[in-house]
Protein backbone atom coordinates (compact mmCIF):
# COMPACT_ATOMS: atom_id res chain seq x y z
CA MET A 1 -69.89 188.59 47.60
CA ALA A 2 -71.81 187.14 44.95
CA ALA A 3 -72.48 183.26 45.11
CA THR A 4 -70.62 181.08 42.32
CA PRO A 5 -72.97 179.90 40.03
CA PRO A 6 -73.35 175.99 40.20
CA PRO A 7 -71.31 174.10 37.32
CA GLY A 8 -73.37 173.90 34.28
CA SER A 9 -75.77 176.56 35.00
CA PRO A 10 -76.51 179.21 32.21
CA ALA A 11 -74.56 181.84 34.35
CA TRP A 12 -71.58 179.30 34.78
CA TRP A 13 -71.41 178.61 31.15
CA ALA A 14 -71.67 182.39 30.23
CA ALA A 15 -68.67 183.10 32.48
CA ARG A 16 -66.53 180.34 30.82
CA PRO A 17 -63.43 181.57 28.39
CA ALA A 18 -63.18 180.40 25.04
CA PRO A 19 -61.61 176.86 24.51
CA ALA A 20 -57.61 177.17 24.68
CA PRO A 21 -55.88 175.70 21.52
CA ALA A 22 -53.98 172.18 22.31
CA PRO A 23 -50.97 172.94 24.11
CA GLU A 24 -47.60 172.60 22.63
CA ARG A 25 -45.51 169.40 22.92
CA ARG A 26 -42.71 169.51 25.48
CA ARG A 27 -40.15 167.11 26.86
CA GLY A 28 -41.26 164.99 29.49
CA ARG A 29 -44.70 164.01 30.36
CA PRO A 30 -47.00 165.36 27.83
CA ALA A 31 -49.43 168.00 28.56
CA LEU A 32 -53.33 167.37 28.96
CA ASP A 33 -55.73 169.27 26.82
CA THR A 34 -59.20 169.63 28.38
CA ALA A 35 -61.08 167.72 25.51
CA HIS A 36 -58.78 164.57 26.17
CA ILE A 37 -59.60 164.92 29.82
CA VAL A 38 -63.18 165.04 29.27
CA GLY A 39 -63.24 162.14 26.93
CA VAL A 40 -61.43 160.12 29.55
CA ALA A 41 -63.91 161.24 32.19
CA LEU A 42 -66.75 160.21 29.88
CA ARG A 43 -65.46 156.83 29.66
CA LEU A 44 -65.12 156.25 33.34
CA VAL A 45 -68.51 157.80 33.95
CA ASP A 46 -70.02 155.13 31.68
CA GLU A 47 -67.87 152.58 33.35
CA HIS A 48 -68.43 153.61 37.23
CA GLY A 49 -71.41 156.00 37.28
CA THR A 50 -71.11 159.65 38.39
CA GLN A 51 -71.19 158.87 42.08
CA ALA A 52 -68.28 156.69 41.92
CA PHE A 53 -66.41 159.03 39.66
CA SER A 54 -63.62 161.09 40.97
CA LEU A 55 -60.70 163.16 40.28
CA ARG A 56 -58.45 160.80 41.80
CA LEU A 57 -60.11 158.00 39.45
CA LEU A 58 -59.52 160.44 36.55
CA ALA A 59 -55.81 161.38 37.37
CA GLU A 60 -55.09 157.81 37.67
CA ALA A 61 -56.65 157.02 34.21
CA LEU A 62 -54.82 159.78 32.65
CA GLY A 63 -51.59 159.15 34.32
CA SER A 64 -51.51 162.24 36.06
CA GLY A 65 -52.10 163.88 39.45
CA THR A 66 -55.26 165.72 40.84
CA ALA A 67 -53.09 168.98 41.01
CA THR A 68 -52.86 168.86 37.18
CA LEU A 69 -56.52 168.43 36.86
CA TYR A 70 -57.24 171.52 39.22
CA ARG A 71 -55.23 173.60 36.78
CA HIS A 72 -58.10 172.73 34.28
CA PHE A 73 -61.26 172.66 36.23
CA GLU A 74 -62.28 173.54 39.89
CA GLY A 75 -63.76 170.03 40.68
CA LYS A 76 -65.92 166.93 39.86
CA ASP A 77 -68.92 169.03 39.17
CA GLU A 78 -67.19 171.16 36.64
CA ILE A 79 -65.76 168.27 34.53
CA LEU A 80 -69.23 166.61 35.01
CA ALA A 81 -70.71 169.35 33.32
CA TYR A 82 -68.26 169.18 30.22
CA VAL A 83 -68.98 165.55 30.09
CA VAL A 84 -72.79 166.35 29.64
CA ASP A 85 -72.06 168.79 26.80
CA ARG A 86 -69.78 166.41 25.36
CA VAL A 87 -72.57 163.83 25.04
CA LEU A 88 -74.92 166.08 23.83
CA GLY A 89 -72.43 166.88 20.95
CA GLU A 90 -72.82 163.18 19.78
CA THR A 91 -76.24 163.21 18.62
CA VAL A 92 -75.85 163.91 14.83
CA LEU A 93 -78.46 166.73 13.69
CA ASP A 94 -76.97 168.02 10.66
CA ASP A 95 -79.28 166.75 8.32
CA LEU A 96 -82.57 168.05 9.88
CA ALA A 97 -83.09 170.61 7.08
CA ASP A 98 -83.27 167.82 4.52
CA ARG A 99 -86.15 165.98 6.04
CA THR A 100 -89.72 166.15 4.54
CA ASP A 101 -91.28 168.33 7.01
CA TRP A 102 -90.96 169.34 10.46
CA ARG A 103 -92.75 166.21 11.68
CA GLU A 104 -89.85 164.18 10.80
CA ALA A 105 -87.45 166.44 11.68
CA LEU A 106 -88.64 166.54 15.44
CA THR A 107 -89.04 162.69 15.40
CA VAL A 108 -85.29 162.00 14.13
CA THR A 109 -84.10 164.42 16.83
CA ALA A 110 -86.01 162.55 19.59
CA ARG A 111 -85.10 159.20 18.23
CA ARG A 112 -81.11 160.11 17.81
CA PHE A 113 -81.25 161.68 21.08
CA HIS A 114 -82.62 158.94 22.82
CA ASP A 115 -80.12 156.48 21.37
CA THR A 116 -77.52 158.74 22.49
CA LEU A 117 -78.51 158.89 26.12
CA ARG A 118 -79.00 155.02 26.20
CA ARG A 119 -75.54 154.88 25.31
CA HIS A 120 -74.56 157.11 28.27
CA PRO A 121 -77.17 156.45 30.83
CA HIS A 122 -74.88 157.65 34.04
CA VAL A 123 -74.98 161.20 32.57
CA LEU A 124 -78.63 161.37 32.90
CA PRO A 125 -78.45 162.76 36.36
CA PRO A 126 -76.28 165.75 35.96
CA LEU A 127 -77.85 166.24 32.57
CA MET A 128 -81.20 166.69 34.48
CA ALA A 129 -79.52 168.92 37.16
CA GLN A 130 -79.05 171.92 35.07
CA VAL A 131 -80.58 173.21 31.51
CA PRO A 132 -77.87 172.03 29.22
CA VAL A 133 -76.63 175.22 27.48
CA GLY A 134 -73.01 174.23 26.81
CA PRO A 135 -71.38 175.02 23.57
CA HIS A 136 -72.65 171.45 22.09
CA GLY A 137 -76.10 171.99 23.85
CA LEU A 138 -76.75 175.49 22.42
CA ALA A 139 -75.40 174.17 18.96
CA GLN A 140 -77.81 171.38 18.84
CA ARG A 141 -80.68 173.42 20.06
CA GLU A 142 -80.14 176.01 17.44
CA ARG A 143 -80.04 173.22 14.60
CA VAL A 144 -83.29 171.63 16.01
CA LEU A 145 -85.08 174.98 16.27
CA ALA A 146 -83.94 176.26 12.77
CA ALA A 147 -85.07 172.84 10.91
CA LEU A 148 -88.47 173.30 12.65
CA LEU A 149 -88.87 177.09 11.70
CA ALA A 150 -87.64 176.21 8.07
CA HIS A 151 -90.10 173.65 7.87
CA GLY A 152 -93.13 176.06 8.68
CA LEU A 153 -93.61 175.78 12.53
CA PRO A 154 -93.99 179.46 14.14
CA ALA A 155 -91.41 180.12 16.61
CA ASP A 156 -93.66 179.78 19.58
CA LEU A 157 -94.84 176.49 18.59
CA ALA A 158 -91.43 175.18 17.47
CA ALA A 159 -90.04 176.36 21.06
CA ARG A 160 -92.60 174.53 22.77
CA ALA A 161 -92.36 171.21 20.71
CA PHE A 162 -88.71 171.28 21.26
CA THR A 163 -88.98 171.52 24.78
CA ALA A 164 -91.87 168.74 25.02
CA VAL A 165 -90.26 166.46 22.92
CA THR A 166 -86.65 166.91 24.82
CA HIS A 167 -88.30 166.37 28.23
CA TYR A 168 -90.04 163.47 26.91
CA VAL A 169 -86.79 161.78 25.78
CA ILE A 170 -85.04 162.63 28.84
CA GLY A 171 -87.60 161.59 31.40
CA PHE A 172 -88.40 158.36 29.41
CA THR A 173 -84.73 157.33 29.00
CA ALA A 174 -83.96 158.28 32.70
CA GLN A 175 -86.96 155.98 33.99
CA GLN A 176 -86.10 153.03 31.56
CA TYR A 177 -82.50 153.10 31.25
CA GLY A 178 -80.85 155.39 33.90
CA PRO A 179 -78.54 154.43 36.95
CA ALA A 180 -82.00 153.83 39.09
CA ALA A 181 -84.21 152.22 36.37
CA PRO A 182 -86.12 149.34 37.79
CA ASP A 183 -85.93 145.92 36.34
CA ASP A 184 -89.19 144.74 37.65
CA GLY A 185 -91.52 143.89 34.70
CA PRO A 186 -92.14 140.26 35.75
CA ARG A 187 -92.68 141.17 39.50
CA LEU A 188 -94.83 143.96 38.66
CA ALA A 189 -96.88 141.44 36.28
CA ALA A 190 -97.04 139.02 39.08
CA PHE A 191 -98.06 141.81 41.53
CA TYR A 192 -100.87 142.99 39.19
CA ARG A 193 -102.19 139.29 38.83
CA GLU A 194 -102.27 138.85 42.83
CA LEU A 195 -104.44 142.01 43.38
CA ASP A 196 -108.24 141.51 44.29
CA PRO A 197 -110.20 141.97 40.75
CA ASP A 198 -113.32 143.17 42.58
CA ALA A 199 -111.22 146.12 44.00
CA TYR A 200 -109.13 146.68 40.70
CA PRO A 201 -111.04 145.68 37.79
CA ALA A 202 -109.57 148.08 35.39
CA LEU A 203 -105.96 147.08 36.53
CA HIS A 204 -106.75 143.51 35.76
CA GLN A 205 -108.00 144.15 32.52
CA ALA A 206 -105.00 146.12 31.41
CA ALA A 207 -102.39 144.31 33.59
CA ARG A 208 -100.98 142.26 30.50
CA THR A 209 -100.37 145.30 28.31
CA LEU A 210 -99.03 147.57 31.29
CA THR A 211 -96.22 144.92 31.67
CA SER A 212 -95.37 143.04 28.20
CA VAL A 213 -94.97 146.17 25.85
CA PRO A 214 -91.35 146.53 24.71
CA VAL A 215 -89.84 149.70 25.79
CA GLU A 216 -88.83 150.80 22.38
CA GLU A 217 -92.43 150.48 21.20
CA GLU A 218 -93.54 152.37 24.39
CA PHE A 219 -91.08 155.13 23.30
CA ALA A 220 -92.26 155.16 19.72
CA PHE A 221 -96.16 155.17 20.85
CA GLY A 222 -95.36 158.36 23.06
CA LEU A 223 -93.43 160.20 20.67
CA GLY A 224 -95.99 159.49 18.02
CA LEU A 225 -98.68 160.72 20.43
CA LEU A 226 -96.61 164.11 20.95
CA VAL A 227 -95.97 164.76 17.33
CA HIS A 228 -99.63 163.93 16.33
CA GLY A 229 -100.85 166.52 19.00
CA LEU A 230 -98.44 169.14 17.79
CA ALA A 231 -99.56 168.60 14.31
CA HIS A 232 -103.42 169.24 15.54
CA LEU A 233 -102.19 172.14 17.24
CA HIS A 234 -100.36 173.69 13.96
CA ALA A 235 -103.32 173.04 11.90
């Protein structure tokens, strides 16, 4: 018997049925549609994190029972896969074709995606667990690649540019804003100052900059390096 693909994987998404229409209203307790369930699940993940999130917590927030949830989803991991895809759909990318060139389109994409993930840092662990190829993930990928191609990038460089910048945004945001992000700038600066300058002369010279540059400035600097490097390859 073939193993069941993990929720959120390409094989799992390929086996998903098309979204069902909203259920008709009936007497008694109103029916739950999957979009509403996923929206409430995202709110709970934002508030409590993925570790504390559970079907019981979700059922209580919905005023329902876990049995009702199991009619829509097989478990917590499936709901989180839909939550990740819901977050990906929040980034507005419809205007990329109107940008001046591919550099601006790529920069706008990165900044907006970064802002979206900063609003939902607890979604980062399940996002990084699988390649995000749900409906919203695919639609966003198509928009970005189409804009890069329309602005003159060849397909191979457009694909590598999309992958490199997306990985940079996810990795940077996870390190700086994710659930396990350290908040140790001042402690790290103090640690560097206490190091033996004879053993670590380069660290002593760079210690202030290593620990004092604002996070958003650091993000912009790294993104700029990526885009300029891609422009060099394109030239």
